[in-house]
Structures are given as structure tokens and as C-alpha cells.
Amino acid sequence: MTFGDKFKQERSRLGLTQQETADGLQINRRMITRYETGISFPRSRDAYKKIASFFGVDVNYLLSEDQELTVVTTEQYGSRGMKQAKELIDGLASLFAGDTLSEQDKHIVIKALQDVYMESRVIKTG
């Protein structure tokens, strides 16, 4: 279930209109529509916390792993870094979902990503 699905489900559970939800969260109603259709999502952990508190749910319920990565990336590297990370994830998802790579090739790609990650950690801490 996506963030948008969860958002809409919680709004409906509380019997709120989009406008009532927008007023309660102090955001534009258009943003509620964008959340619910998956066009947009909160850009910070604080925004997720505010929404979770408003709906009376745990913030982790609202976050998927991809959304958690996006929030962290945006907070640390801005929207450009977030866009690059999302493009990488989407590209890998497409590559892995298709029949173009064998299982062995998929393992090689994952190993290469792990190696790059480990090298970047050594450079950063070294």
C-alpha cells in the first residue's frame, strides 16, 4: 500500500473531507489531492510526523522503505539528490523486474552496488 493509499484510507476512516484534512494539517487542499493520487509526498520526517499525529497513527505506518530513503536523501542532499536516488531505484526496479538479467547477473549488480557503497564509506570516514 502506497503512502497515498494510506493517507486516503486514514482520512476516510476519520470521516474527513479533503478540505477538513487540509485545514487540520494547515496545507492547501490541492496538496491533499496530490498526496492521495501519488503525485506528491511529504518531503521531511517532520511532515510525516505531523500527518501521523493528525491521523493518530504511527509514523512508520506511513513510510515505506523507498519513502524513508527519499526523506533522508532530500534532507541531506536536497531535491536534486533525491531525484537522482529515485531515478536509480526506479531504474534498478525496472531492470530487475524484466527478463533481461539472469539471477547471476542480478547478484553481480547487487554486489557492485555494495562495493560502491562500502568504498564511499571508507572514503567518507577515512
C-alpha atoms as a PDB file:
ATOM      1  CA  MET A   1       0.000   0.000   0.000  1.00  0.00           C
ATOM      2  CA  THR A   2       1.409   3.372  -1.002  1.00  0.00           C
ATOM      3  CA  PHE A   3       1.596   6.483   1.130  1.00  0.00           C
ATOM      4  CA  GLY A   4      -1.272   7.956  -0.904  1.00  0.00           C
ATOM      5  CA  ASP A   5      -3.450   4.893  -0.285  1.00  0.00           C
ATOM      6  CA  LYS A   6      -2.729   5.007   3.441  1.00  0.00           C
ATOM      7  CA  PHE A   7      -3.354   8.750   3.582  1.00  0.00           C
ATOM      8  CA  LYS A   8      -6.725   8.449   1.860  1.00  0.00           C
ATOM      9  CA  GLN A   9      -7.689   5.447   3.982  1.00  0.00           C
ATOM     10  CA  GLU A  10      -6.949   7.299   7.216  1.00  0.00           C
ATOM     11  CA  ARG A  11      -8.782  10.418   6.058  1.00  0.00           C
ATOM     12  CA  SER A  12     -11.809   8.290   5.160  1.00  0.00           C
ATOM     13  CA  ARG A  13     -11.591   6.361   8.427  1.00  0.00           C
ATOM     14  CA  LEU A  14     -11.941   9.642  10.296  1.00  0.00           C
ATOM     15  CA  GLY A  15     -14.782  10.747   8.014  1.00  0.00           C
ATOM     16  CA  LEU A  16     -12.957  13.891   6.947  1.00  0.00           C
ATOM     17  CA  THR A  17     -13.209  15.750   3.670  1.00  0.00           C
ATOM     18  CA  GLN A  18     -10.073  16.766   1.838  1.00  0.00           C
ATOM     19  CA  GLN A  19     -10.683  20.373   2.901  1.00  0.00           C
ATOM     20  CA  GLU A  20     -11.095  19.422   6.576  1.00  0.00           C
ATOM     21  CA  THR A  21      -7.857  17.438   6.378  1.00  0.00           C
ATOM     22  CA  ALA A  22      -6.061  20.306   4.661  1.00  0.00           C
ATOM     23  CA  ASP A  23      -7.286  22.717   7.326  1.00  0.00           C
ATOM     24  CA  GLY A  24      -6.198  20.359  10.108  1.00  0.00           C
ATOM     25  CA  LEU A  25      -2.736  19.924   8.606  1.00  0.00           C
ATOM     26  CA  GLN A  26      -2.516  23.610   7.634  1.00  0.00           C
ATOM     27  CA  ILE A  27      -1.759  22.841   3.999  1.00  0.00           C
ATOM     28  CA  ASN A  28      -3.503  23.506   0.697  1.00  0.00           C
ATOM     29  CA  ARG A  29      -6.346  21.161  -0.284  1.00  0.00           C
ATOM     30  CA  ARG A  30      -4.640  20.636  -3.632  1.00  0.00           C
ATOM     31  CA  MET A  31      -1.745  19.023  -1.749  1.00  0.00           C
ATOM     32  CA  ILE A  32      -4.176  16.535  -0.197  1.00  0.00           C
ATOM     33  CA  THR A  33      -5.241  15.522  -3.712  1.00  0.00           C
ATOM     34  CA  ARG A  34      -1.604  15.242  -4.771  1.00  0.00           C
ATOM     35  CA  TYR A  35      -0.836  13.031  -1.762  1.00  0.00           C
ATOM     36  CA  GLU A  36      -3.811  10.767  -2.379  1.00  0.00           C
ATOM     37  CA  THR A  37      -3.086  10.342  -6.090  1.00  0.00           C
ATOM     38  CA  GLY A  38       0.606   9.682  -5.515  1.00  0.00           C
ATOM     39  CA  ILE A  39       1.782  12.781  -7.360  1.00  0.00           C
ATOM     40  CA  SER A  40       3.466  14.203  -4.236  1.00  0.00           C
ATOM     41  CA  PHE A  41       4.507  13.081  -0.802  1.00  0.00           C
ATOM     42  CA  PRO A  42       5.868  14.819   2.287  1.00  0.00           C
ATOM     43  CA  ARG A  43       9.470  15.943   1.923  1.00  0.00           C
ATOM     44  CA  SER A  44      10.577  15.793   5.544  1.00  0.00           C
ATOM     45  CA  ARG A  45      10.358  13.484   8.508  1.00  0.00           C
ATOM     46  CA  ASP A  46       8.628  16.282  10.455  1.00  0.00           C
ATOM     47  CA  ALA A  47       5.872  16.466   7.830  1.00  0.00           C
ATOM     48  CA  TYR A  48       5.316  12.703   8.127  1.00  0.00           C
ATOM     49  CA  LYS A  49       5.212  13.038  11.922  1.00  0.00           C
ATOM     50  CA  LYS A  50       2.640  15.828  11.694  1.00  0.00           C
ATOM     51  CA  ILE A  51       0.417  13.746   9.398  1.00  0.00           C
ATOM     52  CA  ALA A  52       0.797  10.646  11.587  1.00  0.00           C
ATOM     53  CA  SER A  53      -0.140  12.649  14.680  1.00  0.00           C
ATOM     54  CA  PHE A  54      -3.143  14.172  12.915  1.00  0.00           C
ATOM     55  CA  PHE A  55      -4.430  10.735  11.894  1.00  0.00           C
ATOM     56  CA  GLY A  56      -3.450   9.110  15.199  1.00  0.00           C
ATOM     57  CA  VAL A  57      -1.176   6.522  13.579  1.00  0.00           C
ATOM     58  CA  ASP A  58       2.467   5.564  13.941  1.00  0.00           C
ATOM     59  CA  VAL A  59       4.752   7.439  11.547  1.00  0.00           C
ATOM     60  CA  ASN A  60       6.348   4.145  10.458  1.00  0.00           C
ATOM     61  CA  TYR A  61       2.967   3.041   9.136  1.00  0.00           C
ATOM     62  CA  LEU A  62       3.047   5.905   6.646  1.00  0.00           C
ATOM     63  CA  LEU A  63       6.626   5.348   5.489  1.00  0.00           C
ATOM     64  CA  SER A  64       7.661   2.662   3.040  1.00  0.00           C
ATOM     65  CA  GLU A  65      11.361   1.876   2.647  1.00  0.00           C
ATOM     66  CA  ASP A  66      11.508   3.904  -0.587  1.00  0.00           C
ATOM     67  CA  GLN A  67       9.814   6.855   1.092  1.00  0.00           C
ATOM     68  CA  GLU A  68      12.186   6.648   4.050  1.00  0.00           C
ATOM     69  CA  LEU A  69      15.128   6.750   1.640  1.00  0.00           C
ATOM     70  CA  THR A  70      13.583   9.689  -0.209  1.00  0.00           C
ATOM     71  CA  VAL A  71      13.058  11.669   3.004  1.00  0.00           C
ATOM     72  CA  VAL A  72      16.604  11.032   4.223  1.00  0.00           C
ATOM     73  CA  THR A  73      18.087  11.823   0.808  1.00  0.00           C
ATOM     74  CA  THR A  74      16.083  15.037   0.476  1.00  0.00           C
ATOM     75  CA  GLU A  75      17.041  16.180   3.977  1.00  0.00           C
ATOM     76  CA  GLN A  76      20.748  15.507   3.352  1.00  0.00           C
ATOM     77  CA  TYR A  77      21.193  16.301  -0.358  1.00  0.00           C
ATOM     78  CA  GLY A  78      18.222  18.398  -1.426  1.00  0.00           C
ATOM     79  CA  SER A  79      15.728  17.742  -4.179  1.00  0.00           C
ATOM     80  CA  ARG A  80      18.396  17.070  -6.821  1.00  0.00           C
ATOM     81  CA  GLY A  81      19.952  14.292  -4.743  1.00  0.00           C
ATOM     82  CA  MET A  82      16.501  12.878  -4.037  1.00  0.00           C
ATOM     83  CA  LYS A  83      15.659  12.879  -7.738  1.00  0.00           C
ATOM     84  CA  GLN A  84      18.893  11.070  -8.583  1.00  0.00           C
ATOM     85  CA  ALA A  85      18.328   8.451  -5.873  1.00  0.00           C
ATOM     86  CA  LYS A  86      14.733   7.879  -7.009  1.00  0.00           C
ATOM     87  CA  GLU A  87      15.818   7.518 -10.642  1.00  0.00           C
ATOM     88  CA  LEU A  88      18.431   4.962  -9.597  1.00  0.00           C
ATOM     89  CA  ILE A  89      15.911   2.963  -7.565  1.00  0.00           C
ATOM     90  CA  ASP A  90      13.305   3.090 -10.333  1.00  0.00           C
ATOM     91  CA  GLY A  91      15.883   2.060 -12.931  1.00  0.00           C
ATOM     92  CA  LEU A  92      17.073  -0.876 -10.854  1.00  0.00           C
ATOM     93  CA  ALA A  93      13.497  -1.944 -10.158  1.00  0.00           C
ATOM     94  CA  SER A  94      12.768  -1.982 -13.890  1.00  0.00           C
ATOM     95  CA  LEU A  95      15.983  -3.818 -14.661  1.00  0.00           C
ATOM     96  CA  PHE A  96      15.313  -6.469 -12.026  1.00  0.00           C
ATOM     97  CA  ALA A  97      11.634  -6.868 -12.938  1.00  0.00           C
ATOM     98  CA  GLY A  98      12.376  -7.561 -16.604  1.00  0.00           C
ATOM     99  CA  ASP A  99      13.773 -10.736 -18.058  1.00  0.00           C
ATOM    100  CA  THR A 100      16.930  -9.062 -19.334  1.00  0.00           C
ATOM    101  CA  LEU A 101      19.159 -10.145 -16.438  1.00  0.00           C
ATOM    102  CA  SER A 102      19.805 -13.652 -15.228  1.00  0.00           C
ATOM    103  CA  GLU A 103      19.766 -14.329 -11.496  1.00  0.00           C
ATOM    104  CA  GLN A 104      23.560 -14.465 -11.578  1.00  0.00           C
ATOM    105  CA  ASP A 105      23.719 -11.050 -13.289  1.00  0.00           C
ATOM    106  CA  LYS A 106      21.331  -9.607 -10.693  1.00  0.00           C
ATOM    107  CA  HIS A 107      23.673 -10.818  -7.941  1.00  0.00           C
ATOM    108  CA  ILE A 108      26.616  -9.207  -9.747  1.00  0.00           C
ATOM    109  CA  VAL A 109      24.758  -5.857  -9.908  1.00  0.00           C
ATOM    110  CA  ILE A 110      23.891  -6.016  -6.202  1.00  0.00           C
ATOM    111  CA  LYS A 111      27.480  -6.926  -5.319  1.00  0.00           C
ATOM    112  CA  ALA A 112      28.764  -3.980  -7.389  1.00  0.00           C
ATOM    113  CA  LEU A 113      26.360  -1.621  -5.588  1.00  0.00           C
ATOM    114  CA  GLN A 114      27.510  -2.954  -2.219  1.00  0.00           C
ATOM    115  CA  ASP A 115      31.147  -2.449  -3.234  1.00  0.00           C
ATOM    116  CA  VAL A 116      30.486   1.152  -4.295  1.00  0.00           C
ATOM    117  CA  TYR A 117      28.664   1.791  -1.027  1.00  0.00           C
ATOM    118  CA  MET A 118      31.472   0.322   1.065  1.00  0.00           C
ATOM    119  CA  GLU A 119      34.116   2.279  -0.853  1.00  0.00           C
ATOM    120  CA  SER A 120      32.191   5.520  -0.310  1.00  0.00           C
ATOM    121  CA  ARG A 121      32.015   4.814   3.428  1.00  0.00           C
ATOM    122  CA  VAL A 122      35.780   4.248   3.591  1.00  0.00           C
ATOM    123  CA  ILE A 123      36.438   7.489   1.702  1.00  0.00           C
ATOM    124  CA  LYS A 124      33.992   9.410   3.910  1.00  0.00           C
ATOM    125  CA  THR A 125      35.362   8.100   7.219  1.00  0.00           C
ATOM    126  CA  GLY A 126      38.970   7.672   6.134  1.00  0.00           C
END
